Each structure stands twice: as C-alpha cells, then as structure tokens.
Amino acid sequence: RGPMVTQALQQLLNDTNWKDVDYLIVDMPPGTGDIQLTLAQKIPVTGA
C-alpha cells in the first residue's frame, strides 16, 4: 500500500551512503500519486 511504498522510497534515499554526489537523478514512476507527493514534501528537489 501507499504508506509502505513512500517509506521504502525514503529509506532508499536516506539510508544509502551517497558519496559527494553532484547530481542525483531520481527516476520517478509515472503519474502523480504517493511517490510524487512524498518527493515534493520530504525530499529536497532542485528541479524536475
């Protein structure tokens, strides 16, 4: 369900030891659902 999916996304992002990344490309799923809302509210996005 949606809450599990959004939690998984946040864990993949925040629990990964990214090393001095200049640009992180986020390959989004299609649509405007839970993942997109989580991205907009909780993930620092420079641009789309």
All heavy atoms as atom14 arrays in JSON, in Angstrom:
{
  "sequence": "RGPMVTQALQQLLNDTNWKDVDYLIVDMPPGTGDIQLTLAQKIPVTGA",
  "atom14_mask": [
    [1, 1, 1, 1, 1, 1, 1, 1, 1, 1, 1, 0, 0, 0],
    [1, 1, 1, 1, 0, 0, 0, 0, 0, 0, 0, 0, 0, 0],
    [1, 1, 1, 1, 1, 1, 1, 0, 0, 0, 0, 0, 0, 0],
    [1, 1, 1, 1, 1, 1, 1, 1, 0, 0, 0, 0, 0, 0],
    [1, 1, 1, 1, 1, 1, 1, 0, 0, 0, 0, 0, 0, 0],
    [1, 1, 1, 1, 1, 1, 1, 0, 0, 0, 0, 0, 0, 0],
    [1, 1, 1, 1, 1, 1, 1, 1, 1, 0, 0, 0, 0, 0],
    [1, 1, 1, 1, 1, 0, 0, 0, 0, 0, 0, 0, 0, 0],
    [1, 1, 1, 1, 1, 1, 1, 1, 0, 0, 0, 0, 0, 0],
    [1, 1, 1, 1, 1, 1, 1, 1, 1, 0, 0, 0, 0, 0],
    [1, 1, 1, 1, 1, 1, 1, 1, 1, 0, 0, 0, 0, 0],
    [1, 1, 1, 1, 1, 1, 1, 1, 0, 0, 0, 0, 0, 0],
    [1, 1, 1, 1, 1, 1, 1, 1, 0, 0, 0, 0, 0, 0],
    [1, 1, 1, 1, 1, 1, 1, 1, 0, 0, 0, 0, 0, 0],
    [1, 1, 1, 1, 1, 1, 1, 1, 0, 0, 0, 0, 0, 0],
    [1, 1, 1, 1, 1, 1, 1, 0, 0, 0, 0, 0, 0, 0],
    [1, 1, 1, 1, 1, 1, 1, 1, 0, 0, 0, 0, 0, 0],
    [1, 1, 1, 1, 1, 1, 1, 1, 1, 1, 1, 1, 1, 1],
    [1, 1, 1, 1, 1, 1, 1, 1, 1, 0, 0, 0, 0, 0],
    [1, 1, 1, 1, 1, 1, 1, 1, 0, 0, 0, 0, 0, 0],
    [1, 1, 1, 1, 1, 1, 1, 0, 0, 0, 0, 0, 0, 0],
    [1, 1, 1, 1, 1, 1, 1, 1, 0, 0, 0, 0, 0, 0],
    [1, 1, 1, 1, 1, 1, 1, 1, 1, 1, 1, 1, 0, 0],
    [1, 1, 1, 1, 1, 1, 1, 1, 0, 0, 0, 0, 0, 0],
    [1, 1, 1, 1, 1, 1, 1, 1, 0, 0, 0, 0, 0, 0],
    [1, 1, 1, 1, 1, 1, 1, 0, 0, 0, 0, 0, 0, 0],
    [1, 1, 1, 1, 1, 1, 1, 1, 0, 0, 0, 0, 0, 0],
    [1, 1, 1, 1, 1, 1, 1, 1, 0, 0, 0, 0, 0, 0],
    [1, 1, 1, 1, 1, 1, 1, 0, 0, 0, 0, 0, 0, 0],
    [1, 1, 1, 1, 1, 1, 1, 0, 0, 0, 0, 0, 0, 0],
    [1, 1, 1, 1, 0, 0, 0, 0, 0, 0, 0, 0, 0, 0],
    [1, 1, 1, 1, 1, 1, 1, 0, 0, 0, 0, 0, 0, 0],
    [1, 1, 1, 1, 0, 0, 0, 0, 0, 0, 0, 0, 0, 0],
    [1, 1, 1, 1, 1, 1, 1, 1, 0, 0, 0, 0, 0, 0],
    [1, 1, 1, 1, 1, 1, 1, 1, 0, 0, 0, 0, 0, 0],
    [1, 1, 1, 1, 1, 1, 1, 1, 1, 0, 0, 0, 0, 0],
    [1, 1, 1, 1, 1, 1, 1, 1, 0, 0, 0, 0, 0, 0],
    [1, 1, 1, 1, 1, 1, 1, 0, 0, 0, 0, 0, 0, 0],
    [1, 1, 1, 1, 1, 1, 1, 1, 0, 0, 0, 0, 0, 0],
    [1, 1, 1, 1, 1, 0, 0, 0, 0, 0, 0, 0, 0, 0],
    [1, 1, 1, 1, 1, 1, 1, 1, 1, 0, 0, 0, 0, 0],
    [1, 1, 1, 1, 1, 1, 1, 1, 1, 0, 0, 0, 0, 0],
    [1, 1, 1, 1, 1, 1, 1, 1, 0, 0, 0, 0, 0, 0],
    [1, 1, 1, 1, 1, 1, 1, 0, 0, 0, 0, 0, 0, 0],
    [1, 1, 1, 1, 1, 1, 1, 0, 0, 0, 0, 0, 0, 0],
    [1, 1, 1, 1, 1, 1, 1, 0, 0, 0, 0, 0, 0, 0],
    [1, 1, 1, 1, 0, 0, 0, 0, 0, 0, 0, 0, 0, 0],
    [1, 1, 1, 1, 1, 0, 0, 0, 0, 0, 0, 0, 0, 0]
  ],
  "atom14_positions": [
    [[0.84, -1.19, 0.0], [0.0, 0.0, 0.0], [0.88, 1.26, 0.0], [2.08, 1.2, 0.24], [-0.93, 0.0, 1.21], [-1.98, -1.12, 1.19], [-2.98, -0.95, 2.3], [-3.95, -2.03, 2.33], [-5.05, -2.09, 1.6], [-5.32, -1.1, 0.76], [-5.88, -3.1, 1.69], [0.0, 0.0, 0.0], [0.0, 0.0, 0.0], [0.0, 0.0, 0.0]],
    [[0.23, 2.39, -0.25], [0.94, 3.65, -0.4], [1.92, 3.99, 0.71], [3.07, 4.33, 0.42], [0.0, 0.0, 0.0], [0.0, 0.0, 0.0], [0.0, 0.0, 0.0], [0.0, 0.0, 0.0], [0.0, 0.0, 0.0], [0.0, 0.0, 0.0], [0.0, 0.0, 0.0], [0.0, 0.0, 0.0], [0.0, 0.0, 0.0], [0.0, 0.0, 0.0]],
    [[1.54, 3.9, 2.0], [2.47, 4.26, 3.07], [3.75, 3.43, 3.07], [4.84, 3.94, 3.35], [1.66, 4.02, 4.35], [0.24, 4.18, 3.92], [0.18, 3.63, 2.53], [0.0, 0.0, 0.0], [0.0, 0.0, 0.0], [0.0, 0.0, 0.0], [0.0, 0.0, 0.0], [0.0, 0.0, 0.0], [0.0, 0.0, 0.0], [0.0, 0.0, 0.0]],
    [[3.65, 2.13, 2.74], [4.83, 1.28, 2.69], [5.74, 1.69, 1.54], [6.97, 1.68, 1.66], [4.42, -0.18, 2.54], [3.68, -0.75, 3.73], [3.17, -2.47, 3.46], [4.74, -3.3, 3.39], [0.0, 0.0, 0.0], [0.0, 0.0, 0.0], [0.0, 0.0, 0.0], [0.0, 0.0, 0.0], [0.0, 0.0, 0.0], [0.0, 0.0, 0.0]],
    [[5.13, 2.08, 0.42], [5.9, 2.49, -0.76], [6.67, 3.78, -0.47], [7.87, 3.89, -0.78], [4.98, 2.67, -1.98], [5.75, 3.28, -3.15], [4.38, 1.33, -2.38], [0.0, 0.0, 0.0], [0.0, 0.0, 0.0], [0.0, 0.0, 0.0], [0.0, 0.0, 0.0], [0.0, 0.0, 0.0], [0.0, 0.0, 0.0], [0.0, 0.0, 0.0]],
    [[6.0, 4.74, 0.13], [6.67, 6.02, 0.41], [7.77, 5.84, 1.46], [8.82, 6.49, 1.39], [5.66, 7.07, 0.89], [4.95, 6.58, 2.03], [4.67, 7.39, -0.21], [0.0, 0.0, 0.0], [0.0, 0.0, 0.0], [0.0, 0.0, 0.0], [0.0, 0.0, 0.0], [0.0, 0.0, 0.0], [0.0, 0.0, 0.0], [0.0, 0.0, 0.0]],
    [[7.53, 4.95, 2.43], [8.57, 4.69, 3.43], [9.78, 4.03, 2.77], [10.93, 4.35, 3.1], [8.03, 3.79, 4.54], [9.05, 3.54, 5.66], [8.5, 2.66, 6.77], [7.38, 2.17, 6.69], [9.29, 2.45, 7.81], [0.0, 0.0, 0.0], [0.0, 0.0, 0.0], [0.0, 0.0, 0.0], [0.0, 0.0, 0.0], [0.0, 0.0, 0.0]],
    [[9.52, 3.12, 1.83], [10.61, 2.45, 1.12], [11.44, 3.47, 0.34], [12.68, 3.4, 0.32], [10.06, 1.39, 0.19], [0.0, 0.0, 0.0], [0.0, 0.0, 0.0], [0.0, 0.0, 0.0], [0.0, 0.0, 0.0], [0.0, 0.0, 0.0], [0.0, 0.0, 0.0], [0.0, 0.0, 0.0], [0.0, 0.0, 0.0], [0.0, 0.0, 0.0]],
    [[10.78, 4.41, -0.31], [11.49, 5.44, -1.07], [12.4, 6.26, -0.16], [13.58, 6.49, -0.48], [10.5, 6.37, -1.78], [11.12, 7.6, -2.45], [12.07, 7.19, -3.56], [10.03, 8.53, -2.97], [0.0, 0.0, 0.0], [0.0, 0.0, 0.0], [0.0, 0.0, 0.0], [0.0, 0.0, 0.0], [0.0, 0.0, 0.0], [0.0, 0.0, 0.0]],
    [[11.87, 6.68, 0.98], [12.67, 7.49, 1.9], [13.86, 6.71, 2.45], [14.95, 7.26, 2.63], [11.79, 8.0, 3.04], [10.76, 9.03, 2.57], [9.9, 9.52, 3.72], [10.33, 10.33, 4.53], [8.67, 9.04, 3.79], [0.0, 0.0, 0.0], [0.0, 0.0, 0.0], [0.0, 0.0, 0.0], [0.0, 0.0, 0.0], [0.0, 0.0, 0.0]],
    [[13.66, 5.41, 2.69], [14.77, 4.59, 3.19], [15.85, 4.41, 2.12], [17.04, 4.48, 2.41], [14.26, 3.23, 3.66], [13.5, 3.3, 4.98], [13.07, 1.94, 5.47], [12.55, 1.13, 4.69], [13.28, 1.67, 6.74], [0.0, 0.0, 0.0], [0.0, 0.0, 0.0], [0.0, 0.0, 0.0], [0.0, 0.0, 0.0], [0.0, 0.0, 0.0]],
    [[15.41, 4.19, 0.88], [16.38, 4.04, -0.2], [17.23, 5.29, -0.36], [18.43, 5.23, -0.62], [15.66, 3.74, -1.52], [15.05, 2.34, -1.69], [14.27, 2.27, -3.0], [16.12, 1.26, -1.66], [0.0, 0.0, 0.0], [0.0, 0.0, 0.0], [0.0, 0.0, 0.0], [0.0, 0.0, 0.0], [0.0, 0.0, 0.0], [0.0, 0.0, 0.0]],
    [[16.59, 6.44, -0.18], [17.31, 7.7, -0.32], [18.18, 8.0, 0.89], [19.38, 8.28, 0.77], [16.31, 8.84, -0.54], [16.91, 10.25, -0.64], [17.82, 10.36, -1.85], [15.81, 11.29, -0.69], [0.0, 0.0, 0.0], [0.0, 0.0, 0.0], [0.0, 0.0, 0.0], [0.0, 0.0, 0.0], [0.0, 0.0, 0.0], [0.0, 0.0, 0.0]],
    [[17.58, 7.94, 2.08], [18.27, 8.41, 3.29], [19.21, 7.38, 3.9], [20.14, 7.76, 4.62], [17.23, 8.83, 4.34], [16.42, 10.03, 3.89], [16.97, 11.03, 3.45], [15.1, 9.94, 4.01], [0.0, 0.0, 0.0], [0.0, 0.0, 0.0], [0.0, 0.0, 0.0], [0.0, 0.0, 0.0], [0.0, 0.0, 0.0], [0.0, 0.0, 0.0]],
    [[18.99, 6.1, 3.63], [19.85, 5.06, 4.22], [20.95, 4.6, 3.28], [21.64, 3.62, 3.56], [19.01, 3.85, 4.65], [18.07, 4.19, 5.81], [18.23, 5.27, 6.4], [17.17, 3.38, 6.1], [0.0, 0.0, 0.0], [0.0, 0.0, 0.0], [0.0, 0.0, 0.0], [0.0, 0.0, 0.0], [0.0, 0.0, 0.0], [0.0, 0.0, 0.0]],
    [[21.11, 5.29, 2.17], [22.21, 4.99, 1.24], [23.34, 5.97, 1.48], [23.11, 7.17, 1.62], [21.73, 5.09, -0.23], [20.69, 4.13, -0.45], [22.88, 4.82, -1.19], [0.0, 0.0, 0.0], [0.0, 0.0, 0.0], [0.0, 0.0, 0.0], [0.0, 0.0, 0.0], [0.0, 0.0, 0.0], [0.0, 0.0, 0.0], [0.0, 0.0, 0.0]],
    [[24.55, 5.48, 1.54], [25.72, 6.33, 1.78], [26.2, 6.95, 0.47], [27.23, 6.56, -0.09], [26.85, 5.51, 2.43], [26.5, 5.06, 3.84], [25.86, 5.79, 4.59], [26.92, 3.86, 4.19], [0.0, 0.0, 0.0], [0.0, 0.0, 0.0], [0.0, 0.0, 0.0], [0.0, 0.0, 0.0], [0.0, 0.0, 0.0], [0.0, 0.0, 0.0]],
    [[25.43, 7.92, -0.01], [25.83, 8.61, -1.23], [27.13, 9.36, -0.98], [27.31, 9.99, 0.06], [24.75, 9.6, -1.64], [23.39, 9.0, -1.82], [22.34, 9.08, -0.97], [22.94, 8.18, -2.92], [21.25, 8.4, -1.46], [21.6, 7.84, -2.65], [23.53, 7.74, -4.1], [20.83, 7.05, -3.54], [22.78, 6.97, -4.97], [21.46, 6.63, -4.69]],
    [[28.04, 9.31, -1.93], [29.38, 9.86, -1.74], [29.61, 11.06, -2.65], [29.89, 10.9, -3.83], [30.42, 8.77, -1.99], [30.3, 7.6, -1.01], [31.23, 6.47, -1.38], [31.12, 5.33, -0.36], [29.77, 4.73, -0.35], [0.0, 0.0, 0.0], [0.0, 0.0, 0.0], [0.0, 0.0, 0.0], [0.0, 0.0, 0.0], [0.0, 0.0, 0.0]],
    [[29.48, 12.26, -2.06], [29.79, 13.52, -2.74], [29.15, 13.58, -4.13], [29.83, 13.83, -5.13], [31.31, 13.69, -2.85], [31.69, 15.11, -3.24], [30.92, 16.05, -2.92], [32.74, 15.29, -3.89], [0.0, 0.0, 0.0], [0.0, 0.0, 0.0], [0.0, 0.0, 0.0], [0.0, 0.0, 0.0], [0.0, 0.0, 0.0], [0.0, 0.0, 0.0]],
    [[27.85, 13.38, -4.19], [27.12, 13.37, -5.45], [26.8, 14.81, -5.88], [26.17, 15.56, -5.14], [25.82, 12.55, -5.32], [24.94, 12.71, -6.55], [26.15, 11.08, -5.1], [0.0, 0.0, 0.0], [0.0, 0.0, 0.0], [0.0, 0.0, 0.0], [0.0, 0.0, 0.0], [0.0, 0.0, 0.0], [0.0, 0.0, 0.0], [0.0, 0.0, 0.0]],
    [[27.24, 15.18, -7.07], [26.9, 16.49, -7.62], [25.44, 16.54, -8.05], [24.74, 17.52, -7.79], [27.79, 16.83, -8.82], [29.25, 16.98, -8.46], [29.53, 17.6, -7.42], [30.11, 16.47, -9.2], [0.0, 0.0, 0.0], [0.0, 0.0, 0.0], [0.0, 0.0, 0.0], [0.0, 0.0, 0.0], [0.0, 0.0, 0.0], [0.0, 0.0, 0.0]],
    [[24.99, 15.47, -8.71], [23.61, 15.38, -9.19], [23.08, 13.99, -8.91], [23.69, 13.0, -9.34], [23.52, 15.65, -10.7], [24.12, 16.95, -11.15], [25.41, 16.99, -11.7], [23.43, 18.15, -11.04], [25.98, 18.17, -12.12], [23.98, 19.34, -11.46], [25.26, 19.35, -12.0], [25.82, 20.53, -12.42], [0.0, 0.0, 0.0], [0.0, 0.0, 0.0]],
    [[21.97, 13.91, -8.2], [21.26, 12.64, -8.03], [20.04, 12.66, -8.94], [19.14, 13.49, -8.76], [20.83, 12.42, -6.58], [20.05, 11.12, -6.34], [20.97, 9.91, -6.47], [19.37, 11.12, -4.96], [0.0, 0.0, 0.0], [0.0, 0.0, 0.0], [0.0, 0.0, 0.0], [0.0, 0.0, 0.0], [0.0, 0.0, 0.0], [0.0, 0.0, 0.0]],
    [[20.01, 11.78, -9.91], [18.85, 11.65, -10.79], [17.85, 10.7, -10.13], [18.2, 9.58, -9.76], [19.26, 11.08, -12.16], [20.3, 11.98, -12.84], [18.04, 10.91, -13.06], [19.8, 13.34, -13.23], [0.0, 0.0, 0.0], [0.0, 0.0, 0.0], [0.0, 0.0, 0.0], [0.0, 0.0, 0.0], [0.0, 0.0, 0.0], [0.0, 0.0, 0.0]],
    [[16.61, 11.16, -9.97], [15.56, 10.31, -9.41], [14.62, 9.91, -10.54], [13.93, 10.75, -11.13], [14.78, 11.03, -8.29], [13.69, 10.11, -7.74], [15.72, 11.47, -7.18], [0.0, 0.0, 0.0], [0.0, 0.0, 0.0], [0.0, 0.0, 0.0], [0.0, 0.0, 0.0], [0.0, 0.0, 0.0], [0.0, 0.0, 0.0], [0.0, 0.0, 0.0]],
    [[14.63, 8.63, -10.87], [13.76, 8.09, -11.91], [12.39, 7.84, -11.29], [12.18, 6.87, -10.57], [14.36, 6.79, -12.46], [13.5, 6.16, -13.54], [12.59, 6.84, -14.06], [13.74, 4.98, -13.88], [0.0, 0.0, 0.0], [0.0, 0.0, 0.0], [0.0, 0.0, 0.0], [0.0, 0.0, 0.0], [0.0, 0.0, 0.0], [0.0, 0.0, 0.0]],
    [[11.44, 8.75, -11.56], [10.13, 8.7, -10.94], [9.2, 7.7, -11.61], [9.31, 7.47, -12.82], [9.49, 10.09, -11.02], [10.27, 11.18, -10.34], [10.29, 10.97, -8.56], [8.56, 11.2, -8.2], [0.0, 0.0, 0.0], [0.0, 0.0, 0.0], [0.0, 0.0, 0.0], [0.0, 0.0, 0.0], [0.0, 0.0, 0.0], [0.0, 0.0, 0.0]],
    [[8.26, 7.12, -10.86], [7.21, 6.33, -11.5], [6.25, 7.26, -12.22], [6.21, 8.46, -11.94], [6.53, 5.64, -10.32], [6.76, 6.55, -9.17], [8.1, 7.17, -9.39], [0.0, 0.0, 0.0], [0.0, 0.0, 0.0], [0.0, 0.0, 0.0], [0.0, 0.0, 0.0], [0.0, 0.0, 0.0], [0.0, 0.0, 0.0], [0.0, 0.0, 0.0]],
    [[5.49, 6.75, -13.19], [4.52, 7.61, -13.88], [3.39, 8.02, -12.94], [3.12, 7.37, -11.92], [4.01, 6.72, -15.01], [4.25, 5.32, -14.54], [5.49, 5.38, -13.71], [0.0, 0.0, 0.0], [0.0, 0.0, 0.0], [0.0, 0.0, 0.0], [0.0, 0.0, 0.0], [0.0, 0.0, 0.0], [0.0, 0.0, 0.0], [0.0, 0.0, 0.0]],
    [[2.73, 9.13, -13.29], [1.57, 9.56, -12.52], [1.88, 10.66, -11.53], [2.96, 11.24, -11.51], [0.0, 0.0, 0.0], [0.0, 0.0, 0.0], [0.0, 0.0, 0.0], [0.0, 0.0, 0.0], [0.0, 0.0, 0.0], [0.0, 0.0, 0.0], [0.0, 0.0, 0.0], [0.0, 0.0, 0.0], [0.0, 0.0, 0.0], [0.0, 0.0, 0.0]],
    [[0.88, 10.92, -10.67], [1.0, 11.98, -9.66], [0.46, 11.47, -8.32], [-0.39, 12.08, -7.69], [0.23, 13.24, -10.08], [-1.13, 12.88, -10.39], [0.84, 13.89, -11.3], [0.0, 0.0, 0.0], [0.0, 0.0, 0.0], [0.0, 0.0, 0.0], [0.0, 0.0, 0.0], [0.0, 0.0, 0.0], [0.0, 0.0, 0.0], [0.0, 0.0, 0.0]],
    [[0.98, 10.32, -7.89], [0.46, 9.67, -6.69], [1.32, 9.86, -5.46], [1.96, 10.89, -5.26], [0.0, 0.0, 0.0], [0.0, 0.0, 0.0], [0.0, 0.0, 0.0], [0.0, 0.0, 0.0], [0.0, 0.0, 0.0], [0.0, 0.0, 0.0], [0.0, 0.0, 0.0], [0.0, 0.0, 0.0], [0.0, 0.0, 0.0], [0.0, 0.0, 0.0]],
    [[1.36, 8.8, -4.63], [2.02, 8.87, -3.32], [3.51, 9.19, -3.43], [4.05, 9.98, -2.65], [1.84, 7.54, -2.57], [0.4, 7.32, -2.12], [-0.27, 8.32, -1.83], [-0.03, 6.17, -2.06], [0.0, 0.0, 0.0], [0.0, 0.0, 0.0], [0.0, 0.0, 0.0], [0.0, 0.0, 0.0], [0.0, 0.0, 0.0], [0.0, 0.0, 0.0]],
    [[4.19, 8.54, -4.37], [5.63, 8.75, -4.51], [5.91, 10.22, -4.85], [6.8, 10.85, -4.27], [6.21, 7.83, -5.6], [6.19, 6.38, -5.14], [7.62, 8.26, -5.97], [7.24, 6.01, -4.14], [0.0, 0.0, 0.0], [0.0, 0.0, 0.0], [0.0, 0.0, 0.0], [0.0, 0.0, 0.0], [0.0, 0.0, 0.0], [0.0, 0.0, 0.0]],
    [[5.15, 10.75, -5.79], [5.36, 12.15, -6.2], [5.09, 13.1, -5.04], [5.81, 14.09, -4.86], [4.46, 12.49, -7.38], [4.88, 11.89, -8.7], [4.48, 10.43, -8.84], [3.83, 9.84, -7.97], [4.87, 9.82, -9.94], [0.0, 0.0, 0.0], [0.0, 0.0, 0.0], [0.0, 0.0, 0.0], [0.0, 0.0, 0.0], [0.0, 0.0, 0.0]],
    [[4.07, 12.81, -4.25], [3.73, 13.67, -3.11], [4.83, 13.63, -2.06], [5.22, 14.66, -1.5], [2.39, 13.23, -2.51], [1.77, 14.19, -1.49], [1.51, 15.56, -2.11], [0.48, 13.6, -0.93], [0.0, 0.0, 0.0], [0.0, 0.0, 0.0], [0.0, 0.0, 0.0], [0.0, 0.0, 0.0], [0.0, 0.0, 0.0], [0.0, 0.0, 0.0]],
    [[5.36, 12.44, -1.79], [6.46, 12.3, -0.84], [7.68, 13.06, -1.32], [8.35, 13.76, -0.55], [6.82, 10.81, -0.63], [5.69, 10.15, -0.06], [8.02, 10.66, 0.29], [0.0, 0.0, 0.0], [0.0, 0.0, 0.0], [0.0, 0.0, 0.0], [0.0, 0.0, 0.0], [0.0, 0.0, 0.0], [0.0, 0.0, 0.0], [0.0, 0.0, 0.0]],
    [[7.97, 12.93, -2.61], [9.11, 13.64, -3.18], [8.96, 15.14, -2.99], [9.91, 15.82, -2.62], [9.23, 13.31, -4.67], [10.46, 13.87, -5.36], [11.57, 12.82, -5.39], [10.15, 14.31, -6.78], [0.0, 0.0, 0.0], [0.0, 0.0, 0.0], [0.0, 0.0, 0.0], [0.0, 0.0, 0.0], [0.0, 0.0, 0.0], [0.0, 0.0, 0.0]],
    [[7.76, 15.64, -3.22], [7.52, 17.08, -3.14], [7.59, 17.6, -1.71], [8.03, 18.73, -1.47], [6.16, 17.41, -3.75], [0.0, 0.0, 0.0], [0.0, 0.0, 0.0], [0.0, 0.0, 0.0], [0.0, 0.0, 0.0], [0.0, 0.0, 0.0], [0.0, 0.0, 0.0], [0.0, 0.0, 0.0], [0.0, 0.0, 0.0], [0.0, 0.0, 0.0]],
    [[7.17, 16.79, -0.74], [7.06, 17.26, 0.63], [8.28, 16.98, 1.5], [8.56, 17.74, 2.43], [5.83, 16.61, 1.28], [4.5, 17.07, 0.68], [3.32, 16.39, 1.33], [3.44, 15.29, 1.87], [2.16, 17.03, 1.29], [0.0, 0.0, 0.0], [0.0, 0.0, 0.0], [0.0, 0.0, 0.0], [0.0, 0.0, 0.0], [0.0, 0.0, 0.0]],
    [[9.01, 15.91, 1.2], [10.05, 15.48, 2.14], [11.44, 15.33, 1.54], [12.41, 15.1, 2.28], [9.63, 14.14, 2.78], [8.34, 14.25, 3.59], [7.99, 12.93, 4.26], [6.72, 13.06, 5.09], [6.35, 11.78, 5.75], [0.0, 0.0, 0.0], [0.0, 0.0, 0.0], [0.0, 0.0, 0.0], [0.0, 0.0, 0.0], [0.0, 0.0, 0.0]],
    [[11.57, 15.43, 0.24], [12.86, 15.23, -0.42], [13.29, 16.54, -1.07], [12.51, 17.15, -1.8], [12.78, 14.09, -1.45], [12.48, 12.76, -0.72], [14.08, 13.99, -2.25], [12.25, 11.59, -1.64], [0.0, 0.0, 0.0], [0.0, 0.0, 0.0], [0.0, 0.0, 0.0], [0.0, 0.0, 0.0], [0.0, 0.0, 0.0], [0.0, 0.0, 0.0]],
    [[14.51, 17.0, -0.82], [14.96, 18.29, -1.37], [15.26, 18.19, -2.87], [16.3, 17.68, -3.28], [16.24, 18.58, -0.58], [16.76, 17.23, -0.2], [15.55, 16.37, 0.02], [0.0, 0.0, 0.0], [0.0, 0.0, 0.0], [0.0, 0.0, 0.0], [0.0, 0.0, 0.0], [0.0, 0.0, 0.0], [0.0, 0.0, 0.0], [0.0, 0.0, 0.0]],
    [[14.34, 18.68, -3.68], [14.47, 18.58, -5.14], [14.9, 19.92, -5.72], [14.24, 20.94, -5.49], [13.15, 18.11, -5.78], [13.3, 17.98, -7.29], [12.7, 16.79, -5.17], [0.0, 0.0, 0.0], [0.0, 0.0, 0.0], [0.0, 0.0, 0.0], [0.0, 0.0, 0.0], [0.0, 0.0, 0.0], [0.0, 0.0, 0.0], [0.0, 0.0, 0.0]],
    [[15.99, 19.92, -6.46], [16.48, 21.14, -7.08], [15.61, 21.53, -8.28], [15.37, 22.72, -8.52], [17.94, 20.96, -7.54], [18.7, 20.41, -6.47], [18.55, 22.29, -7.95], [0.0, 0.0, 0.0], [0.0, 0.0, 0.0], [0.0, 0.0, 0.0], [0.0, 0.0, 0.0], [0.0, 0.0, 0.0], [0.0, 0.0, 0.0], [0.0, 0.0, 0.0]],
    [[15.17, 20.53, -9.03], [14.34, 20.81, -10.2], [13.84, 19.52, -10.82], [14.34, 18.42, -10.51], [0.0, 0.0, 0.0], [0.0, 0.0, 0.0], [0.0, 0.0, 0.0], [0.0, 0.0, 0.0], [0.0, 0.0, 0.0], [0.0, 0.0, 0.0], [0.0, 0.0, 0.0], [0.0, 0.0, 0.0], [0.0, 0.0, 0.0], [0.0, 0.0, 0.0]],
    [[12.85, 19.65, -11.7], [12.24, 18.49, -12.35], [12.35, 18.59, -13.86], [12.29, 19.68, -14.43], [10.78, 18.36, -11.94], [0.0, 0.0, 0.0], [0.0, 0.0, 0.0], [0.0, 0.0, 0.0], [0.0, 0.0, 0.0], [0.0, 0.0, 0.0], [0.0, 0.0, 0.0], [0.0, 0.0, 0.0], [0.0, 0.0, 0.0], [0.0, 0.0, 0.0]]
  ]
}
